[in-house]
Protein backbone atom coordinates (compact mmCIF):
# COMPACT_ATOMS: atom_id res chain seq x y z
CA MET A 1 -26.09 -24.12 1.75
CA PRO A 2 -23.34 -25.84 3.61
CA GLU A 3 -19.97 -25.93 2.59
CA LEU A 4 -18.84 -28.27 -0.29
CA PRO A 5 -16.36 -31.21 1.49
CA SER A 6 -13.49 -30.09 -0.65
CA ALA A 7 -14.15 -26.79 0.55
CA VAL A 8 -14.21 -27.61 3.83
CA ALA A 9 -11.08 -30.23 3.33
CA LEU A 10 -9.34 -27.08 1.51
CA GLN A 11 -9.48 -24.73 4.69
CA GLY A 12 -8.55 -27.18 7.11
CA LEU A 13 -5.36 -27.31 4.76
CA ILE A 14 -4.99 -23.55 4.64
CA ALA A 15 -5.34 -23.16 8.14
CA VAL A 16 -3.05 -25.77 9.26
CA LEU A 17 -0.50 -24.09 6.56
CA GLU A 18 -0.91 -20.89 7.71
CA VAL A 19 -0.21 -21.91 11.88
CA LEU A 20 3.41 -23.95 10.04
CA GLY A 21 3.86 -20.61 8.20
CA VAL A 22 3.68 -18.28 10.93
CA ALA A 23 5.64 -20.84 12.92
CA VAL A 24 8.22 -21.04 10.30
CA PHE A 25 8.50 -17.42 9.70
CA ALA A 26 9.04 -16.57 13.44
CA ILE A 27 12.01 -18.83 13.81
CA SER A 28 13.45 -16.96 10.72
CA GLY A 29 13.10 -13.70 12.30
CA ALA A 30 14.53 -14.86 15.52
CA LEU A 31 17.43 -16.12 13.74
CA THR A 32 17.90 -12.68 12.29
CA ALA A 33 17.78 -11.94 15.76
CA ALA A 34 20.69 -14.07 16.71
CA ARG A 35 22.75 -12.88 14.03
CA LYS A 36 22.25 -9.40 15.39
CA GLU A 37 22.99 -10.96 18.88
CA MET A 38 19.38 -9.47 20.51
CA ASP A 39 18.17 -10.02 23.52
CA PRO A 40 14.98 -12.70 24.02
CA PHE A 41 12.60 -9.41 23.53
CA GLY A 42 14.22 -8.88 20.10
CA PHE A 43 14.03 -12.53 19.48
CA ILE A 44 10.49 -12.28 20.17
CA VAL A 45 10.06 -8.95 18.31
CA LEU A 46 11.64 -9.87 15.43
CA GLY A 47 9.93 -12.94 15.15
CA VAL A 48 6.45 -11.58 15.50
CA ALA A 49 7.34 -9.27 13.20
CA THR A 50 8.36 -11.66 10.08
CA ALA A 51 5.53 -13.64 10.97
CA VAL A 52 2.67 -11.59 10.95
CA GLY A 53 3.77 -8.71 8.61
CA GLY A 54 2.84 -9.63 5.31
CA GLY A 55 -0.39 -11.26 6.09
CA THR A 56 -1.49 -7.87 8.60
CA ILE A 57 -1.23 -5.88 5.35
CA ARG A 58 -2.63 -8.40 2.77
CA ASP A 59 -5.84 -8.14 5.58
CA LEU A 60 -6.01 -4.48 5.65
CA VAL A 61 -5.65 -3.88 2.15
CA LEU A 62 -8.44 -6.66 1.35
CA GLY A 63 -10.74 -5.01 4.31
CA LEU A 64 -10.69 -8.35 6.34
CA PRO A 65 -10.01 -8.36 10.47
CA VAL A 66 -6.52 -8.84 10.58
CA PHE A 67 -6.17 -12.43 11.46
CA TRP A 68 -3.92 -12.63 14.16
CA VAL A 69 -6.01 -10.18 16.43
CA ALA A 70 -9.00 -12.04 15.49
CA LYS A 71 -7.25 -15.67 16.43
CA PRO A 72 -4.94 -14.95 18.81
CA HIS A 73 -3.34 -18.38 18.68
CA TYR A 74 -1.36 -17.17 15.93
CA LEU A 75 0.34 -14.90 18.26
CA ILE A 76 1.16 -17.52 20.73
CA THR A 77 2.63 -19.67 17.79
CA CYS A 78 4.93 -17.04 16.94
CA ILE A 79 6.45 -16.54 20.67
CA VAL A 80 6.49 -20.21 21.03
CA ALA A 81 8.43 -20.65 17.90
CA ALA A 82 11.01 -17.74 18.04
CA LEU A 83 11.73 -17.83 21.95
CA PRO A 84 13.43 -21.24 21.93
CA VAL A 85 15.91 -19.99 19.47
CA PHE A 86 17.78 -17.50 21.67
CA TRP A 87 19.03 -20.43 23.16
CA LEU A 88 19.12 -23.07 20.38
CA ALA A 89 20.85 -21.32 17.45
CA ARG A 90 24.26 -21.55 18.95
CA LEU A 91 23.64 -25.18 18.15
CA LEU A 92 23.80 -24.22 14.09
CA ASP A 93 26.82 -24.43 12.15
CA SER A 94 25.35 -21.37 10.00
CA ARG A 95 22.46 -19.19 10.94
CA TYR A 96 22.08 -17.51 7.78
CA LYS A 97 21.95 -20.77 5.87
CA ALA A 98 19.20 -22.09 8.51
CA LEU A 99 17.75 -18.39 7.71
CA VAL A 100 17.49 -18.70 4.35
CA TRP A 101 16.09 -22.22 4.13
CA ALA A 102 13.30 -21.01 6.95
CA ASP A 103 12.46 -18.22 5.10
CA ALA A 104 12.17 -20.01 1.98
CA LEU A 105 10.06 -22.42 3.34
CA GLY A 106 7.69 -19.84 5.09
CA MET A 107 7.48 -17.65 2.12
CA ALA A 108 6.54 -21.30 0.03
CA LEU A 109 3.49 -21.91 2.75
CA PHE A 110 2.18 -17.89 2.91
CA THR A 111 2.10 -17.69 -0.68
CA VAL A 112 -0.21 -20.67 -0.88
CA THR A 113 -2.26 -18.93 2.20
CA GLY A 114 -2.17 -15.34 1.09
CA THR A 115 -3.59 -15.89 -2.31
CA GLN A 116 -6.44 -18.51 -1.53
CA LYS A 117 -7.44 -15.67 1.24
CA ALA A 118 -7.69 -13.39 -1.22
CA LEU A 119 -10.13 -15.13 -4.06
CA ALA A 120 -12.20 -16.59 -0.98
CA ALA A 121 -12.61 -12.83 -0.25
CA GLY A 122 -13.72 -12.09 -3.78
CA ALA A 123 -10.67 -10.33 -5.16
CA ALA A 124 -9.63 -10.64 -8.95
CA PRO A 125 -6.88 -13.39 -10.18
CA SER A 126 -4.33 -10.66 -10.49
CA VAL A 127 -4.88 -8.88 -7.00
CA ALA A 128 -5.28 -12.40 -5.51
CA ILE A 129 -1.69 -13.41 -6.57
CA ALA A 130 -0.09 -9.60 -5.75
CA MET A 131 -1.88 -10.43 -2.54
CA GLY A 132 -0.08 -14.12 -2.13
CA ILE A 133 3.40 -12.13 -2.84
CA MET A 134 2.68 -9.47 0.07
CA THR A 135 1.87 -12.26 2.20
CA ALA A 136 5.14 -13.74 1.27
CA ALA A 137 7.45 -11.51 1.23
CA PHE A 138 6.32 -8.57 3.25
CA GLY A 139 6.99 -9.99 6.36
CA GLY A 140 10.93 -10.49 5.47
CA VAL A 141 10.81 -6.95 4.35
CA VAL A 142 9.96 -5.49 7.80
CA ARG A 143 12.73 -8.04 9.47
CA ASP A 144 15.14 -6.66 7.51
CA ILE A 145 14.27 -3.00 7.66
CA LEU A 146 14.09 -3.65 11.33
CA CYS A 147 17.41 -5.13 11.46
CA GLY A 148 19.11 -2.16 8.96
CA GLU A 149 19.48 -4.65 6.07
CA SER A 150 18.63 -4.25 2.35
CA PRO A 151 15.32 -6.19 2.11
CA LEU A 152 16.13 -9.62 0.42
CA MET A 153 13.04 -8.81 -2.13
CA LEU A 154 15.03 -5.99 -3.20
CA ARG A 155 17.94 -8.12 -4.23
CA LYS A 156 19.20 -9.62 -7.56
CA GLU A 157 18.08 -13.05 -6.43
CA ILE A 158 14.98 -14.45 -7.08
CA TYR A 159 12.30 -14.22 -4.03
CA ALA A 160 9.54 -12.69 -5.03
CA THR A 161 9.49 -14.39 -8.20
CA ALA A 162 8.76 -17.48 -6.67
CA ALA A 163 6.05 -16.58 -4.78
CA LEU A 164 4.70 -14.94 -8.17
CA ALA A 165 4.93 -18.31 -9.71
CA GLY A 166 3.11 -20.32 -7.01
CA GLY A 167 0.63 -17.99 -6.51
CA SER A 168 -0.09 -17.83 -10.70
CA LEU A 169 -0.36 -21.29 -10.15
CA PHE A 170 -2.93 -21.74 -7.97
CA VAL A 171 -4.73 -18.99 -9.62
CA VAL A 172 -4.77 -21.16 -12.88
CA LEU A 173 -5.75 -24.78 -11.12
CA GLN A 174 -8.43 -22.74 -9.56
CA GLU A 175 -9.68 -21.98 -13.00
CA LEU A 176 -9.10 -25.21 -14.50
CA GLY A 177 -11.29 -26.56 -11.79
CA ALA A 178 -8.27 -28.67 -9.86
CA PRO A 179 -9.14 -30.18 -6.67
CA ARG A 180 -8.29 -27.84 -4.12
CA GLU A 181 -5.89 -29.55 -2.08
CA VAL A 182 -4.18 -30.12 -5.14
CA GLN A 183 -4.13 -26.28 -6.25
CA ALA A 184 -2.84 -25.99 -2.43
CA LEU A 185 -0.03 -28.46 -2.90
CA ALA A 186 1.13 -27.72 -6.24
CA ALA A 187 1.40 -23.91 -5.61
CA PHE A 188 3.50 -24.56 -2.26
CA ALA A 189 5.86 -26.96 -4.44
CA LEU A 190 6.43 -24.62 -6.91
CA THR A 191 6.84 -21.78 -4.79
CA PHE A 192 9.64 -24.42 -3.04
CA THR A 193 10.82 -25.32 -5.70
CA VAL A 194 11.81 -22.44 -7.29
CA ARG A 195 13.39 -20.36 -4.28
CA ALA A 196 15.18 -23.35 -3.59
CA LEU A 197 16.77 -23.98 -7.02
CA ALA A 198 17.63 -20.22 -6.63
CA ILE A 199 19.28 -20.78 -3.29
CA LEU A 200 21.22 -23.77 -4.47
CA ARG A 201 21.89 -22.88 -8.13
CA GLY A 202 22.54 -18.48 -7.63
CA TRP A 203 19.96 -17.95 -9.66
CA SER A 204 18.92 -14.01 -9.93
CA LEU A 205 17.21 -11.69 -12.28
CA PRO A 206 18.63 -9.10 -14.64
CA HIS A 207 19.73 -6.20 -12.31
CA TYR A 208 20.38 -2.39 -13.24
CA ARG A 209 23.95 -1.89 -14.33
CA ARG A 210 24.89 2.13 -13.93
CA PRO A 211 26.79 3.67 -16.49
CA ASP A 212 30.42 4.61 -16.73
CA LYS A 213 28.99 8.02 -15.18
CA PRO A 214 27.19 7.00 -11.89
CA LEU A 215 23.96 8.80 -11.36
CA ASP A 216 24.96 9.82 -8.06
CA GLY A 217 23.79 13.59 -8.34
CA PRO A 218 23.45 16.21 -10.82
CA PRO A 219 26.19 16.93 -13.42
CA LYS A 220 28.69 18.98 -12.66
CA TRP A 221 29.22 21.57 -15.27
CA ARG A 222 32.26 22.32 -16.67
CA GLU A 223 33.44 26.16 -16.72
């Protein structure tokens, strides 16, 4: 049975979003390399790791062919996007601010592609949402670990929560039978909006506060 035009249109939109997401995340990885004053090879490594890290884990978990291995143009996109940052990053007044916004855009794009790809593979809605979060956030985790920094996802600010909101909206709209393009664009808009507001207004989730006696080790018994 031939695919419905709306399904074909969604697949085309998702393909475009995935290429854009790869490029934007590669740039965010390269901006981190700029902050760490790496050489051009470091820019490429961080750009590639950031761009394909989450999607690679997603595909392995779902038992699918790894997307950038099956379609090498994604790898080329990473390199083409990341390498010019070696010469262009110095033109930015605040490389960290550019990194944060590039990361926000990339995670919004990958929330949509990760959730949709999991649903297309037959995953349950809850699993699809988890795959959307994984695709959106784990590339940044790989980037931060390679740079010896605390992963942004594990800090108190709203990060993975934005992907959770967007992925959940995608699933709900699909269950309601909304047009496929609306599903994708609405999920993207919600993810980016939540993350953007968190950046601009300093929103964060409640975080654990240690008691007066920190749990840094076993208690010292008094004699």
